[in-house]
């Protein structure tokens, strides 16, 4: 027969308070913590003062309250050169994607360089015979409103409908994260 060892009363009380508190600071539930026992810092009230302007010329973040930002943050749009590069990159990717006249390996070699590593891991398994796009309408690329300085959504017209190409900024370049095909027509 095994004997159960009982905890000393102060430790048992702290353990019970921690379990019963469900995330509350044990020190506020069970009195002061023993010396050397870490306690959670007291939560400071949120500041409602407007934030100081940024030194880098970036817009300052919105003021916070206990629940987060008090006003929605407005993401900065890309500069005109980056926006043009995003449109060009989305069009070039779909042009390579539409090369269904190539064998599987040649098609993949043409597409792979446009993709993020995560997208490449997924698109690697695409069978070129199943790609429905065969032609891209040149000059049709346009930025969608959700585009920011670091993430672009570009609508590009194709013979299969309008694709939305989602790109992410990597340094001075844009990489394709995914291409969303057009929605099928409603029945």
C-alpha atoms as a PDB file:
ATOM      1  CA  UNK A   1       0.000   0.000   0.000  1.00  0.00           C
ATOM      2  CA  UNK A   2       1.348   3.398  -1.017  1.00  0.00           C
ATOM      3  CA  UNK A   3       1.064   6.319   1.242  1.00  0.00           C
ATOM      4  CA  UNK A   4       0.070   9.650  -0.226  1.00  0.00           C
ATOM      5  CA  UNK A   5       2.181  12.536   0.854  1.00  0.00           C
ATOM      6  CA  UNK A   6       0.323  15.645   1.881  1.00  0.00           C
ATOM      7  CA  UNK A   7       1.489  19.113   0.875  1.00  0.00           C
ATOM      8  CA  UNK A   8       2.211  21.632   3.615  1.00  0.00           C
ATOM      9  CA  UNK A   9      -0.799  23.865   4.182  1.00  0.00           C
ATOM     10  CA  UNK A  10       0.580  27.083   2.506  1.00  0.00           C
ATOM     11  CA  UNK A  11       1.536  25.193  -0.674  1.00  0.00           C
ATOM     12  CA  UNK A  12      -1.793  23.354  -0.761  1.00  0.00           C
ATOM     13  CA  UNK A  13      -3.592  26.675  -0.360  1.00  0.00           C
ATOM     14  CA  UNK A  14      -1.611  28.260  -3.228  1.00  0.00           C
ATOM     15  CA  UNK A  15      -2.247  25.256  -5.499  1.00  0.00           C
ATOM     16  CA  UNK A  16      -5.974  25.345  -4.742  1.00  0.00           C
ATOM     17  CA  UNK A  17      -6.110  29.096  -5.305  1.00  0.00           C
ATOM     18  CA  UNK A  18      -4.331  28.775  -8.659  1.00  0.00           C
ATOM     19  CA  UNK A  19      -6.755  26.089  -9.820  1.00  0.00           C
ATOM     20  CA  UNK A  20      -9.832  27.869  -8.460  1.00  0.00           C
ATOM     21  CA  UNK A  21      -8.729  31.244  -9.824  1.00  0.00           C
ATOM     22  CA  UNK A  22      -8.775  30.009 -13.432  1.00  0.00           C
ATOM     23  CA  UNK A  23      -6.070  32.332 -14.594  1.00  0.00           C
ATOM     24  CA  UNK A  24      -6.327  34.936 -11.838  1.00  0.00           C
ATOM     25  CA  UNK A  25      -3.135  35.990 -10.162  1.00  0.00           C
ATOM     26  CA  UNK A  26      -2.623  33.591  -7.233  1.00  0.00           C
ATOM     27  CA  UNK A  27      -1.262  36.435  -5.111  1.00  0.00           C
ATOM     28  CA  UNK A  28      -4.577  38.308  -5.274  1.00  0.00           C
ATOM     29  CA  UNK A  29      -6.557  35.181  -4.407  1.00  0.00           C
ATOM     30  CA  UNK A  30      -4.424  33.629  -1.691  1.00  0.00           C
ATOM     31  CA  UNK A  31      -2.703  36.638  -0.140  1.00  0.00           C
ATOM     32  CA  UNK A  32       0.940  37.590  -0.597  1.00  0.00           C
ATOM     33  CA  UNK A  33       3.168  35.089  -2.379  1.00  0.00           C
ATOM     34  CA  UNK A  34       6.085  33.508  -0.505  1.00  0.00           C
ATOM     35  CA  UNK A  35       9.498  35.116  -1.002  1.00  0.00           C
ATOM     36  CA  UNK A  36      11.085  34.105  -4.293  1.00  0.00           C
ATOM     37  CA  UNK A  37       7.729  33.101  -5.827  1.00  0.00           C
ATOM     38  CA  UNK A  38       7.054  34.994  -9.108  1.00  0.00           C
ATOM     39  CA  UNK A  39       3.876  36.990  -9.302  1.00  0.00           C
ATOM     40  CA  UNK A  40       2.109  38.448 -12.300  1.00  0.00           C
ATOM     41  CA  UNK A  41       2.568  42.186 -12.771  1.00  0.00           C
ATOM     42  CA  UNK A  42      -0.415  44.387 -12.070  1.00  0.00           C
ATOM     43  CA  UNK A  43      -2.207  45.495 -15.213  1.00  0.00           C
ATOM     44  CA  UNK A  44      -1.750  49.180 -15.870  1.00  0.00           C
ATOM     45  CA  UNK A  45      -4.763  51.101 -17.132  1.00  0.00           C
ATOM     46  CA  UNK A  46      -4.656  51.803 -20.842  1.00  0.00           C
ATOM     47  CA  UNK A  47      -3.740  55.278 -21.955  1.00  0.00           C
ATOM     48  CA  UNK A  48      -6.351  57.257 -23.797  1.00  0.00           C
ATOM     49  CA  UNK A  49      -3.914  59.979 -24.812  1.00  0.00           C
ATOM     50  CA  UNK A  50      -3.217  60.189 -28.547  1.00  0.00           C
ATOM     51  CA  UNK A  51       0.043  58.519 -29.575  1.00  0.00           C
ATOM     52  CA  UNK A  52       3.093  60.591 -30.334  1.00  0.00           C
ATOM     53  CA  UNK A  53       3.830  61.107 -34.042  1.00  0.00           C
ATOM     54  CA  UNK A  54       6.269  58.673 -35.565  1.00  0.00           C
ATOM     55  CA  UNK A  55       9.777  59.864 -36.371  1.00  0.00           C
ATOM     56  CA  UNK A  56       9.968  57.856 -39.583  1.00  0.00           C
ATOM     57  CA  UNK A  57       7.036  59.612 -41.218  1.00  0.00           C
ATOM     58  CA  UNK A  58       4.860  56.490 -40.820  1.00  0.00           C
ATOM     59  CA  UNK A  59       1.365  57.064 -39.467  1.00  0.00           C
ATOM     60  CA  UNK A  60       1.213  56.561 -35.704  1.00  0.00           C
ATOM     61  CA  UNK A  61      -0.726  53.532 -34.460  1.00  0.00           C
ATOM     62  CA  UNK A  62      -4.256  54.215 -33.204  1.00  0.00           C
ATOM     63  CA  UNK A  63      -4.774  54.814 -29.478  1.00  0.00           C
ATOM     64  CA  UNK A  64      -5.566  51.748 -27.370  1.00  0.00           C
ATOM     65  CA  UNK A  65      -8.089  51.027 -24.662  1.00  0.00           C
ATOM     66  CA  UNK A  66      -8.684  47.827 -22.647  1.00  0.00           C
ATOM     67  CA  UNK A  67     -10.072  46.062 -25.729  1.00  0.00           C
ATOM     68  CA  UNK A  68      -7.500  47.113 -28.355  1.00  0.00           C
ATOM     69  CA  UNK A  69      -7.412  49.967 -30.869  1.00  0.00           C
ATOM     70  CA  UNK A  70     -10.099  52.603 -30.401  1.00  0.00           C
ATOM     71  CA  UNK A  71     -10.211  53.218 -34.151  1.00  0.00           C
ATOM     72  CA  UNK A  72      -9.376  50.951 -37.069  1.00  0.00           C
ATOM     73  CA  UNK A  73      -5.843  51.181 -38.405  1.00  0.00           C
ATOM     74  CA  UNK A  74      -5.545  52.295 -42.006  1.00  0.00           C
ATOM     75  CA  UNK A  75      -2.848  50.307 -43.814  1.00  0.00           C
ATOM     76  CA  UNK A  76      -0.502  52.316 -45.982  1.00  0.00           C
ATOM     77  CA  UNK A  77      -0.924  51.724 -49.730  1.00  0.00           C
ATOM     78  CA  UNK A  78       2.122  50.803 -51.814  1.00  0.00           C
ATOM     79  CA  UNK A  79       4.050  53.529 -53.571  1.00  0.00           C
ATOM     80  CA  UNK A  80       3.312  53.847 -57.332  1.00  0.00           C
ATOM     81  CA  UNK A  81       6.456  51.941 -58.396  1.00  0.00           C
ATOM     82  CA  UNK A  82       5.659  49.030 -56.045  1.00  0.00           C
ATOM     83  CA  UNK A  83       2.047  48.978 -57.202  1.00  0.00           C
ATOM     84  CA  UNK A  84       3.171  48.762 -60.834  1.00  0.00           C
ATOM     85  CA  UNK A  85       5.614  45.988 -59.943  1.00  0.00           C
ATOM     86  CA  UNK A  86       2.823  44.037 -58.174  1.00  0.00           C
ATOM     87  CA  UNK A  87       0.573  44.310 -61.254  1.00  0.00           C
ATOM     88  CA  UNK A  88       3.420  43.219 -63.549  1.00  0.00           C
ATOM     89  CA  UNK A  89       4.367  40.314 -61.275  1.00  0.00           C
ATOM     90  CA  UNK A  90       0.771  39.042 -61.043  1.00  0.00           C
ATOM     91  CA  UNK A  91       0.374  39.194 -64.832  1.00  0.00           C
ATOM     92  CA  UNK A  92       3.712  37.447 -65.441  1.00  0.00           C
ATOM     93  CA  UNK A  93       2.809  34.684 -62.984  1.00  0.00           C
ATOM     94  CA  UNK A  94      -0.547  34.022 -64.647  1.00  0.00           C
ATOM     95  CA  UNK A  95       1.121  34.098 -68.050  1.00  0.00           C
ATOM     96  CA  UNK A  96       3.525  31.341 -66.877  1.00  0.00           C
ATOM     97  CA  UNK A  97       0.669  29.500 -65.142  1.00  0.00           C
ATOM     98  CA  UNK A  98      -1.323  29.503 -68.410  1.00  0.00           C
ATOM     99  CA  UNK A  99       1.467  27.774 -70.369  1.00  0.00           C
ATOM    100  CA  UNK A 100      -0.438  24.502 -70.552  1.00  0.00           C
ATOM    101  CA  UNK A 101       1.313  23.693 -73.845  1.00  0.00           C
ATOM    102  CA  UNK A 102       4.448  22.735 -71.851  1.00  0.00           C
ATOM    103  CA  UNK A 103       5.238  19.393 -70.265  1.00  0.00           C
ATOM    104  CA  UNK A 104       4.873  19.149 -66.468  1.00  0.00           C
ATOM    105  CA  UNK A 105       8.518  19.858 -65.558  1.00  0.00           C
ATOM    106  CA  UNK A 106       8.909  22.780 -67.982  1.00  0.00           C
ATOM    107  CA  UNK A 107       5.635  24.278 -66.725  1.00  0.00           C
ATOM    108  CA  UNK A 108       6.782  23.939 -63.102  1.00  0.00           C
ATOM    109  CA  UNK A 109      10.172  25.509 -63.892  1.00  0.00           C
ATOM    110  CA  UNK A 110       8.354  28.533 -65.344  1.00  0.00           C
ATOM    111  CA  UNK A 111       5.978  28.945 -62.376  1.00  0.00           C
ATOM    112  CA  UNK A 112       8.176  28.133 -59.386  1.00  0.00           C
ATOM    113  CA  UNK A 113      10.254  31.350 -59.365  1.00  0.00           C
ATOM    114  CA  UNK A 114       7.165  33.504 -58.830  1.00  0.00           C
ATOM    115  CA  UNK A 115       5.991  31.692 -55.678  1.00  0.00           C
ATOM    116  CA  UNK A 116       6.616  32.029 -51.953  1.00  0.00           C
ATOM    117  CA  UNK A 117       8.108  28.856 -50.428  1.00  0.00           C
ATOM    118  CA  UNK A 118       4.744  27.980 -48.859  1.00  0.00           C
ATOM    119  CA  UNK A 119       2.904  28.454 -52.161  1.00  0.00           C
ATOM    120  CA  UNK A 120       5.553  26.448 -54.013  1.00  0.00           C
ATOM    121  CA  UNK A 121       4.974  23.513 -51.652  1.00  0.00           C
ATOM    122  CA  UNK A 122       1.286  23.544 -52.596  1.00  0.00           C
ATOM    123  CA  UNK A 123       1.433  24.420 -56.306  1.00  0.00           C
ATOM    124  CA  UNK A 124       4.135  21.776 -56.842  1.00  0.00           C
ATOM    125  CA  UNK A 125       1.385  19.161 -57.021  1.00  0.00           C
ATOM    126  CA  UNK A 126      -0.685  20.942 -59.679  1.00  0.00           C
ATOM    127  CA  UNK A 127      -1.087  18.887 -62.828  1.00  0.00           C
ATOM    128  CA  UNK A 128      -0.606  21.169 -65.843  1.00  0.00           C
ATOM    129  CA  UNK A 129      -3.339  19.216 -67.653  1.00  0.00           C
ATOM    130  CA  UNK A 130      -5.848  20.522 -65.071  1.00  0.00           C
ATOM    131  CA  UNK A 131      -4.968  24.228 -65.422  1.00  0.00           C
ATOM    132  CA  UNK A 132      -8.028  25.957 -66.954  1.00  0.00           C
ATOM    133  CA  UNK A 133      -6.244  29.192 -67.939  1.00  0.00           C
ATOM    134  CA  UNK A 134      -4.762  29.398 -71.444  1.00  0.00           C
ATOM    135  CA  UNK A 135      -4.567  33.137 -72.100  1.00  0.00           C
ATOM    136  CA  UNK A 136      -4.056  36.273 -70.005  1.00  0.00           C
ATOM    137  CA  UNK A 137      -5.529  39.587 -71.128  1.00  0.00           C
ATOM    138  CA  UNK A 138      -2.493  41.865 -71.153  1.00  0.00           C
ATOM    139  CA  UNK A 139      -2.963  45.230 -69.452  1.00  0.00           C
ATOM    140  CA  UNK A 140      -5.970  44.046 -67.427  1.00  0.00           C
ATOM    141  CA  UNK A 141      -4.193  43.852 -64.032  1.00  0.00           C
ATOM    142  CA  UNK A 142      -5.604  46.178 -61.387  1.00  0.00           C
ATOM    143  CA  UNK A 143      -4.944  46.528 -57.671  1.00  0.00           C
ATOM    144  CA  UNK A 144      -7.838  45.684 -55.381  1.00  0.00           C
ATOM    145  CA  UNK A 145      -8.700  47.878 -52.364  1.00  0.00           C
ATOM    146  CA  UNK A 146      -7.208  45.405 -49.839  1.00  0.00           C
ATOM    147  CA  UNK A 147      -3.705  46.113 -51.187  1.00  0.00           C
ATOM    148  CA  UNK A 148      -1.169  47.436 -48.693  1.00  0.00           C
ATOM    149  CA  UNK A 149       2.533  48.166 -48.750  1.00  0.00           C
ATOM    150  CA  UNK A 150       3.357  44.527 -47.908  1.00  0.00           C
ATOM    151  CA  UNK A 151       0.446  42.525 -49.360  1.00  0.00           C
ATOM    152  CA  UNK A 152      -1.149  43.043 -52.740  1.00  0.00           C
ATOM    153  CA  UNK A 153      -4.304  41.672 -54.298  1.00  0.00           C
ATOM    154  CA  UNK A 154      -4.306  42.017 -58.061  1.00  0.00           C
ATOM    155  CA  UNK A 155      -7.250  41.159 -60.323  1.00  0.00           C
ATOM    156  CA  UNK A 156      -6.151  39.837 -63.713  1.00  0.00           C
ATOM    157  CA  UNK A 157      -8.537  38.918 -66.541  1.00  0.00           C
ATOM    158  CA  UNK A 158      -8.009  35.591 -68.308  1.00  0.00           C
ATOM    159  CA  UNK A 159      -9.910  33.423 -70.769  1.00  0.00           C
ATOM    160  CA  UNK A 160     -11.234  31.528 -67.705  1.00  0.00           C
ATOM    161  CA  UNK A 161     -12.449  34.679 -65.900  1.00  0.00           C
ATOM    162  CA  UNK A 162     -10.864  37.100 -63.448  1.00  0.00           C
ATOM    163  CA  UNK A 163      -8.234  35.652 -61.134  1.00  0.00           C
ATOM    164  CA  UNK A 164      -7.188  37.363 -57.911  1.00  0.00           C
ATOM    165  CA  UNK A 165      -3.453  36.986 -57.404  1.00  0.00           C
ATOM    166  CA  UNK A 166      -2.335  37.523 -53.794  1.00  0.00           C
ATOM    167  CA  UNK A 167       1.276  38.662 -53.493  1.00  0.00           C
ATOM    168  CA  UNK A 168       3.505  39.370 -50.497  1.00  0.00           C
ATOM    169  CA  UNK A 169       6.389  41.809 -50.417  1.00  0.00           C
ATOM    170  CA  UNK A 170       9.876  40.394 -49.957  1.00  0.00           C
ATOM    171  CA  UNK A 171      12.414  43.189 -49.984  1.00  0.00           C
ATOM    172  CA  UNK A 172      12.032  45.012 -53.288  1.00  0.00           C
ATOM    173  CA  UNK A 173      10.116  42.177 -54.979  1.00  0.00           C
ATOM    174  CA  UNK A 174       6.662  40.610 -54.816  1.00  0.00           C
ATOM    175  CA  UNK A 175       6.099  36.851 -54.567  1.00  0.00           C
ATOM    176  CA  UNK A 176       2.831  35.084 -55.332  1.00  0.00           C
ATOM    177  CA  UNK A 177       1.193  33.532 -52.282  1.00  0.00           C
ATOM    178  CA  UNK A 178      -1.805  32.184 -54.210  1.00  0.00           C
ATOM    179  CA  UNK A 179      -4.024  32.707 -57.201  1.00  0.00           C
ATOM    180  CA  UNK A 180      -7.736  32.593 -56.514  1.00  0.00           C
ATOM    181  CA  UNK A 181      -9.761  31.419 -59.522  1.00  0.00           C
ATOM    182  CA  UNK A 182     -12.987  33.165 -60.518  1.00  0.00           C
ATOM    183  CA  UNK A 183     -16.179  32.089 -58.845  1.00  0.00           C
ATOM    184  CA  UNK A 184     -18.254  29.737 -60.940  1.00  0.00           C
ATOM    185  CA  UNK A 185     -21.437  31.293 -62.342  1.00  0.00           C
ATOM    186  CA  UNK A 186     -24.486  31.042 -60.089  1.00  0.00           C
ATOM    187  CA  UNK A 187     -26.972  28.350 -61.141  1.00  0.00           C
END
